Protein backbone atom coordinates (compact mmCIF):
# COMPACT_ATOMS: atom_id res chain seq x y z
CA MET A 1 69.71 227.95 254.34
CA LYS A 2 71.62 226.53 251.42
CA LEU A 3 69.62 225.49 248.37
CA SER A 4 70.91 223.26 245.62
CA THR A 5 69.48 222.59 242.18
CA GLU A 6 69.75 219.44 240.09
CA ALA A 7 68.45 218.27 236.74
CA ALA A 8 65.32 216.10 236.60
CA PRO A 9 64.22 213.53 237.58
CA HIS A 10 63.80 214.75 241.15
CA PHE A 11 61.98 211.65 242.41
CA ARG A 12 63.79 208.36 242.02
CA THR A 13 62.85 204.75 242.65
CA ASN A 14 64.66 201.48 243.01
CA ASN A 15 62.20 199.83 240.62
CA THR A 16 63.57 198.78 237.26
CA THR A 17 62.02 197.12 234.25
CA ARG A 18 64.03 194.02 235.04
CA LYS A 19 62.68 193.81 238.62
CA ILE A 20 59.10 194.32 237.45
CA MET A 21 59.38 191.63 234.78
CA ILE A 22 60.92 189.18 237.23
CA ASP A 23 57.93 189.75 239.52
CA VAL A 24 55.56 189.10 236.63
CA LEU A 25 57.37 185.87 235.81
CA ILE A 26 57.17 184.82 239.47
CA SER A 27 53.44 185.58 239.51
CA LEU A 28 52.93 183.26 236.55
CA ILE A 29 54.62 180.27 238.23
CA PRO A 30 51.32 179.02 239.75
CA VAL A 31 49.77 179.12 236.27
CA VAL A 32 52.69 177.17 234.79
CA ILE A 33 52.37 174.53 237.52
CA ALA A 34 48.58 174.25 237.17
CA SER A 35 48.74 174.11 233.36
CA THR A 36 51.38 171.36 233.47
CA TRP A 37 49.26 169.39 235.95
CA ILE A 38 46.12 169.78 233.82
CA PHE A 39 47.58 169.35 230.32
CA GLY A 40 50.83 167.48 230.89
CA PHE A 41 54.41 168.16 229.91
CA ARG A 42 53.50 169.20 226.37
CA ALA A 43 51.94 172.32 227.88
CA LEU A 44 55.16 172.99 229.80
CA PHE A 45 57.20 172.55 226.63
CA ILE A 46 55.03 175.02 224.70
CA MET A 47 55.25 177.68 227.39
CA LEU A 48 59.01 177.33 227.94
CA PHE A 49 59.81 177.05 224.22
CA SER A 50 57.83 180.21 223.49
CA MET A 51 59.47 182.06 226.39
CA VAL A 52 63.05 181.05 225.57
CA PHE A 53 62.70 181.71 221.84
CA ALA A 54 61.13 185.13 222.50
CA GLU A 55 63.97 186.17 224.83
CA THR A 56 66.62 184.86 222.41
CA LEU A 57 65.06 186.63 219.43
CA ASP A 58 64.64 189.91 221.30
CA PHE A 59 68.22 189.82 222.59
CA SER A 60 69.57 189.05 219.11
CA ILE A 61 67.75 191.98 217.55
CA VAL A 62 68.81 194.49 220.19
CA ARG A 63 72.40 193.25 220.35
CA PHE A 64 73.19 192.56 216.71
CA VAL A 65 70.68 194.62 214.68
CA ARG A 66 70.39 197.70 216.89
CA LYS A 67 74.09 197.35 217.84
CA GLN A 68 73.49 197.88 221.56
CA LYS A 69 76.54 195.97 222.77
CA ASP A 70 75.93 196.81 226.43
CA HIS A 71 72.37 195.48 226.36
CA ILE A 72 71.37 193.37 229.37
CA PRO A 73 68.09 191.45 229.00
CA ASP A 74 65.25 192.87 231.11
CA PHE A 75 63.10 189.73 230.67
CA SER A 76 60.23 191.66 229.07
CA ALA A 77 60.52 189.34 226.06
CA SER A 78 60.35 186.34 228.39
CA VAL A 79 57.06 187.66 229.77
CA THR A 80 55.76 188.15 226.23
CA GLY A 81 56.79 184.63 225.20
CA LEU A 82 55.35 183.01 228.31
CA LEU A 83 52.03 184.86 228.00
CA LEU A 84 51.85 183.93 224.33
CA GLY A 85 52.46 180.28 225.20
CA MET A 86 49.67 180.43 227.78
CA ASN A 87 47.30 181.72 225.11
CA LEU A 88 47.89 178.76 222.80
CA SER A 89 46.26 175.40 222.26
CA LEU A 90 48.13 172.16 222.80
CA ALA A 91 47.54 171.39 219.12
CA VAL A 92 50.04 173.97 217.81
CA ASN A 93 53.36 172.84 216.33
CA TRP A 94 56.80 174.20 217.23
CA TRP A 95 57.17 176.11 213.97
CA GLN A 96 53.78 177.74 214.45
CA ILE A 97 54.90 178.88 217.89
CA MET A 98 58.06 180.34 216.35
CA LEU A 99 56.05 182.29 213.79
CA GLY A 100 53.79 183.64 216.53
CA VAL A 101 56.82 184.74 218.55
CA VAL A 102 58.39 186.41 215.51
CA VAL A 103 55.22 188.43 214.94
CA ALA A 104 54.99 189.31 218.64
CA ILE A 105 58.61 190.37 219.09
CA ILE A 106 59.44 191.88 215.71
CA LEU A 107 56.20 193.23 214.24
CA ALA A 108 54.46 194.18 217.48
CA LYS A 109 57.48 195.42 219.44
CA GLN A 110 60.80 195.99 217.73
CA VAL A 111 59.52 197.76 214.60
CA PHE A 112 58.07 200.42 216.91
CA GLY A 113 61.41 200.93 218.64
CA GLY A 114 61.39 198.25 221.30
CA LEU A 115 60.03 198.11 224.84
CA GLY A 116 57.99 201.16 225.78
CA GLN A 117 57.34 202.22 222.18
CA ASN A 118 54.83 199.57 221.06
CA PHE A 119 51.13 200.42 220.76
CA PHE A 120 49.76 196.89 221.02
CA ASN A 121 50.31 194.08 223.50
CA PRO A 122 52.91 191.91 221.69
CA ALA A 123 51.68 188.58 223.09
CA LEU A 124 48.13 189.29 221.95
CA VAL A 125 49.31 190.37 218.50
CA GLY A 126 51.13 187.05 218.20
CA ARG A 127 48.04 185.17 219.33
CA ALA A 128 45.75 187.07 216.95
CA PHE A 129 48.11 186.26 214.08
CA MET A 130 48.05 182.57 214.99
CA VAL A 131 44.24 182.47 215.35
CA ILE A 132 43.88 183.95 211.86
CA SER A 133 46.68 181.90 210.27
CA PHE A 134 46.15 178.55 212.00
CA PRO A 135 42.47 178.49 213.03
CA THR A 136 42.21 174.70 213.27
CA ALA A 137 45.20 174.25 215.55
CA MET A 138 44.29 177.27 217.66
CA THR A 139 40.73 176.10 218.26
CA THR A 140 41.40 172.42 218.92
CA TRP A 141 40.98 172.02 222.68
CA TYR A 142 42.46 169.13 224.62
CA VAL A 143 40.47 167.82 227.57
CA PRO A 144 42.06 168.06 231.04
CA PHE A 145 44.25 165.08 231.96
CA TYR A 146 43.92 163.70 228.41
CA TYR A 147 47.24 161.94 228.95
CA GLN A 148 45.52 159.69 231.51
CA ASN A 149 42.72 158.71 229.14
CA PRO A 150 43.88 158.44 225.50
CA ASP A 151 40.36 157.48 224.35
CA ILE A 152 39.14 161.08 224.79
CA VAL A 153 41.66 163.70 223.71
CA THR A 154 39.78 166.77 222.44
CA SER A 155 36.46 168.42 223.20
CA ALA A 156 34.64 171.72 222.75
CA SER A 157 35.42 174.49 225.22
CA PRO A 158 32.63 175.81 227.49
CA LEU A 159 32.34 178.94 225.34
CA GLY A 160 32.07 176.78 222.23
CA ILE A 161 29.38 174.65 223.85
CA ILE A 162 27.24 177.59 224.95
CA SER A 163 27.42 179.20 221.52
CA GLU A 164 26.20 176.01 219.87
CA GLU A 165 24.02 174.24 222.44
CA GLY A 166 23.27 176.64 225.28
CA MET A 167 23.98 176.96 228.99
CA ASN A 168 22.15 173.81 230.04
CA THR A 169 24.52 171.63 228.02
CA VAL A 170 27.52 173.38 229.56
CA LEU A 171 26.33 172.56 233.07
CA GLN A 172 25.75 168.96 232.07
CA ASN A 173 29.45 168.66 231.26
CA TYR A 174 31.18 171.05 233.66
CA THR A 175 30.53 172.56 237.09
CA TYR A 176 31.56 176.04 238.17
CA TRP A 177 34.17 174.41 240.39
CA ASP A 178 35.62 172.71 237.31
CA MET A 179 35.90 176.10 235.64
CA PHE A 180 37.47 177.67 238.72
CA ILE A 181 40.27 175.14 239.21
CA GLY A 182 40.81 174.38 235.52
CA ARG A 183 39.15 171.07 234.71
CA ILE A 184 37.90 172.38 231.35
CA PRO A 185 39.25 172.45 227.78
CA GLY A 186 40.82 175.70 226.67
CA SER A 187 44.06 177.55 226.09
CA ILE A 188 46.98 176.32 228.18
CA GLY A 189 47.14 179.14 230.70
CA GLU A 190 43.57 180.40 230.79
CA VAL A 191 41.68 177.47 232.29
CA SER A 192 42.65 177.73 235.98
CA ALA A 193 41.14 180.88 237.49
CA LEU A 194 42.51 179.82 240.87
CA ALA A 195 46.14 179.80 239.70
CA LEU A 196 45.68 183.13 237.89
CA ILE A 197 44.19 184.77 240.98
CA ILE A 198 47.06 183.53 243.16
CA GLY A 199 49.56 185.10 240.77
CA PHE A 200 47.52 188.31 240.61
CA ILE A 201 47.50 188.62 244.41
CA TYR A 202 51.30 188.43 244.37
CA LEU A 203 51.47 191.32 241.88
CA VAL A 204 49.04 193.37 243.98
CA ILE A 205 51.16 192.82 247.09
CA LYS A 206 54.27 193.88 245.15
CA GLY A 207 52.46 196.94 243.76
CA ARG A 208 53.01 195.94 240.13
CA ILE A 209 49.43 196.04 238.87
CA LYS A 210 46.86 198.69 237.90
CA LEU A 211 43.79 197.63 239.85
CA MET A 212 41.42 199.95 238.01
CA ILE A 213 41.73 198.05 234.73
CA PRO A 214 40.89 194.50 235.93
CA VAL A 215 38.16 195.79 238.26
CA SER A 216 36.46 197.85 235.54
CA TYR A 217 37.00 195.13 232.91
CA ILE A 218 35.57 192.28 234.99
CA GLY A 219 32.86 194.50 236.49
CA THR A 220 31.66 195.53 233.03
CA VAL A 221 31.55 191.90 231.90
CA LEU A 222 29.49 190.95 234.97
CA ILE A 223 27.03 193.83 234.44
CA PHE A 224 26.71 193.24 230.69
CA SER A 225 26.24 189.49 231.08
CA SER A 226 23.72 190.01 233.91
CA VAL A 227 21.49 192.08 231.64
CA PHE A 228 21.52 189.46 228.90
CA TYR A 229 21.11 186.65 231.42
CA MET A 230 17.79 188.20 232.41
CA VAL A 231 16.77 188.26 228.75
CA ASP A 232 17.58 184.60 228.01
CA PRO A 233 19.59 182.66 230.63
CA THR A 234 19.82 179.51 228.51
CA LYS A 235 21.24 181.25 225.46
CA PHE A 236 23.54 183.81 227.05
CA GLY A 237 24.65 182.05 230.23
CA THR A 238 25.23 183.28 233.76
CA PRO A 239 27.58 186.11 234.77
CA LEU A 240 29.66 183.61 236.77
CA PHE A 241 30.05 181.46 233.67
CA HIS A 242 31.41 184.38 231.65
CA LEU A 243 33.78 185.23 234.47
CA LEU A 244 35.30 181.74 234.66
CA ALA A 245 35.03 180.53 231.05
CA GLY A 246 37.52 181.48 228.37
CA GLY A 247 40.38 183.93 228.77
CA LEU A 248 38.71 186.72 230.74
CA ILE A 249 40.69 186.23 233.97
CA LEU A 250 44.00 185.84 232.13
CA GLY A 251 43.24 188.82 229.89
CA ALA A 252 41.94 191.15 232.58
CA LEU A 253 44.64 190.39 235.16
CA PHE A 254 47.76 189.95 233.04
CA MET A 255 47.19 191.23 229.48
CA ALA A 256 45.05 194.36 229.75
CA THR A 257 47.23 195.65 232.61
CA ASP A 258 50.37 195.87 230.48
CA MET A 259 52.00 199.16 231.53
CA VAL A 260 53.07 200.16 228.02
CA THR A 261 49.79 199.59 226.20
CA SER A 262 47.28 200.83 228.80
CA PRO A 263 46.27 204.38 229.83
CA MET A 264 48.22 206.38 232.39
CA THR A 265 45.38 208.02 234.35
CA LYS A 266 42.82 206.38 236.63
CA ILE A 267 39.87 207.65 234.59
CA GLY A 268 41.60 206.50 231.42
CA GLN A 269 42.11 203.04 232.89
CA LEU A 270 38.41 202.96 233.84
CA VAL A 271 37.40 203.78 230.26
CA PHE A 272 39.89 201.22 228.92
CA GLY A 273 38.55 198.44 231.15
CA MET A 274 34.91 199.25 230.42
CA GLY A 275 35.55 199.36 226.68
CA ALA A 276 37.36 196.01 226.74
CA GLY A 277 34.54 194.47 228.79
CA ILE A 278 31.81 195.68 226.43
CA LEU A 279 33.71 194.53 223.33
CA THR A 280 34.43 191.14 224.89
CA MET A 281 30.74 190.48 225.51
CA ILE A 282 29.64 191.79 222.11
CA ILE A 283 32.03 189.37 220.42
CA ARG A 284 31.02 186.48 222.69
CA PHE A 285 27.31 187.04 222.17
CA PHE A 286 27.14 188.17 218.56
CA GLY A 287 30.48 187.36 216.91
CA SER A 288 31.39 184.32 214.85
CA TYR A 289 34.26 183.54 217.23
CA PRO A 290 33.12 182.47 220.74
CA GLU A 291 35.91 184.33 222.57
CA GLY A 292 36.55 188.06 222.38
CA VAL A 293 39.13 188.88 225.06
CA SER A 294 42.23 189.11 222.86
CA PHE A 295 40.65 191.18 220.11
CA SER A 296 38.92 193.45 222.63
CA ILE A 297 42.16 194.31 224.39
CA LEU A 298 43.94 194.92 221.08
CA ILE A 299 41.15 197.25 219.93
CA MET A 300 41.37 199.19 223.18
CA ASN A 301 45.18 199.31 222.85
CA ALA A 302 44.62 201.31 219.66
CA PHE A 303 42.55 203.86 221.59
CA VAL A 304 45.09 204.38 224.39
CA PRO A 305 46.83 207.44 222.81
CA LEU A 306 43.43 209.08 222.29
CA ILE A 307 42.27 208.17 225.80
CA ASP A 308 45.44 209.63 227.31
CA ASP A 309 44.99 212.80 225.24
CA TRP A 310 41.25 213.23 225.92
CA LEU A 311 41.53 212.53 229.63
CA LYS A 312 44.77 214.37 230.26
CA PRO A 313 44.67 215.86 233.78
CA LYS A 314 44.44 219.63 233.98
CA ILE A 315 47.65 221.42 234.94
CA TYR A 316 47.06 223.67 237.94
CA GLY A 317 46.64 227.29 236.92
CA THR A 318 45.97 226.61 233.22
CA THR A 319 42.96 226.20 230.95
CA LYS A 320 42.32 223.46 228.39
CA GLY A 321 43.06 225.92 225.61
CA GLU A 322 46.44 226.78 227.10
CA ILE A 323 47.31 223.09 227.48
CA LYS A 324 46.47 222.33 223.83
CA HIS A 325 48.57 225.26 222.61
CA ALA A 326 51.49 224.38 224.85
């Protein structure tokens, strides 16, 4: 028998970053369509403008600053720009979007060395910057189909209502069906749970998603909110409300599952999702800002290197001491 030896890697795949990012973009098409239907063509402009500017900026940096003349875009920046656009309010201006993209692409990605080297989700870093820098614009929520009724343009989001007036007032204004299909005020891409779930199913079928993170994230939110619902249902709201209101579905399905900024092992992903879920509910219940998804994921991003180190799988035939000294 003839044996041959070759250099690693020994297992190869046809998957590329470009193919994965194209699948993510395809999965977000239902969200783009639903958001445009709910909020009009301004929503479409914001999402596309953010996506195109992010891809252009990223390409320019890699090609002309890093001098990689053979660089072919992998569309990771397009995903970042589109997700950032979906996390914005209709009230933002074009130059505010550009600043958010600059922070996302340059400060959260390129300064760390580019794709695969960043510690934090770039789209969420851009959104956090915009929330802090432009709080009025980022928390001004347009009502669904406002373009059909110019007399009523803005309103409080369900999370804003419950924090100020309680669950009963929320249910007087919106049904759970409204929250599921997207007939509620909120960020452009977060309001339609239905569209987000359709896109998520596509990624699951294509094998592009880490199921442990969204399951543990959403499960933790449901358990945490159930406990507080039993304490005071009017003040804290129902578990179903916290599932459908705000950016939980968008964050759990598309932001927390980012391959670069999430743990590698199953147990690490479980810890990551549980931590994000707990932090989300703590901020929602006790923080000054009614939504905690973005900040929770960013905080857990910071713990990913420690989680991967603490929960590193044991190498067969070695002890923990030997692994640490290796």
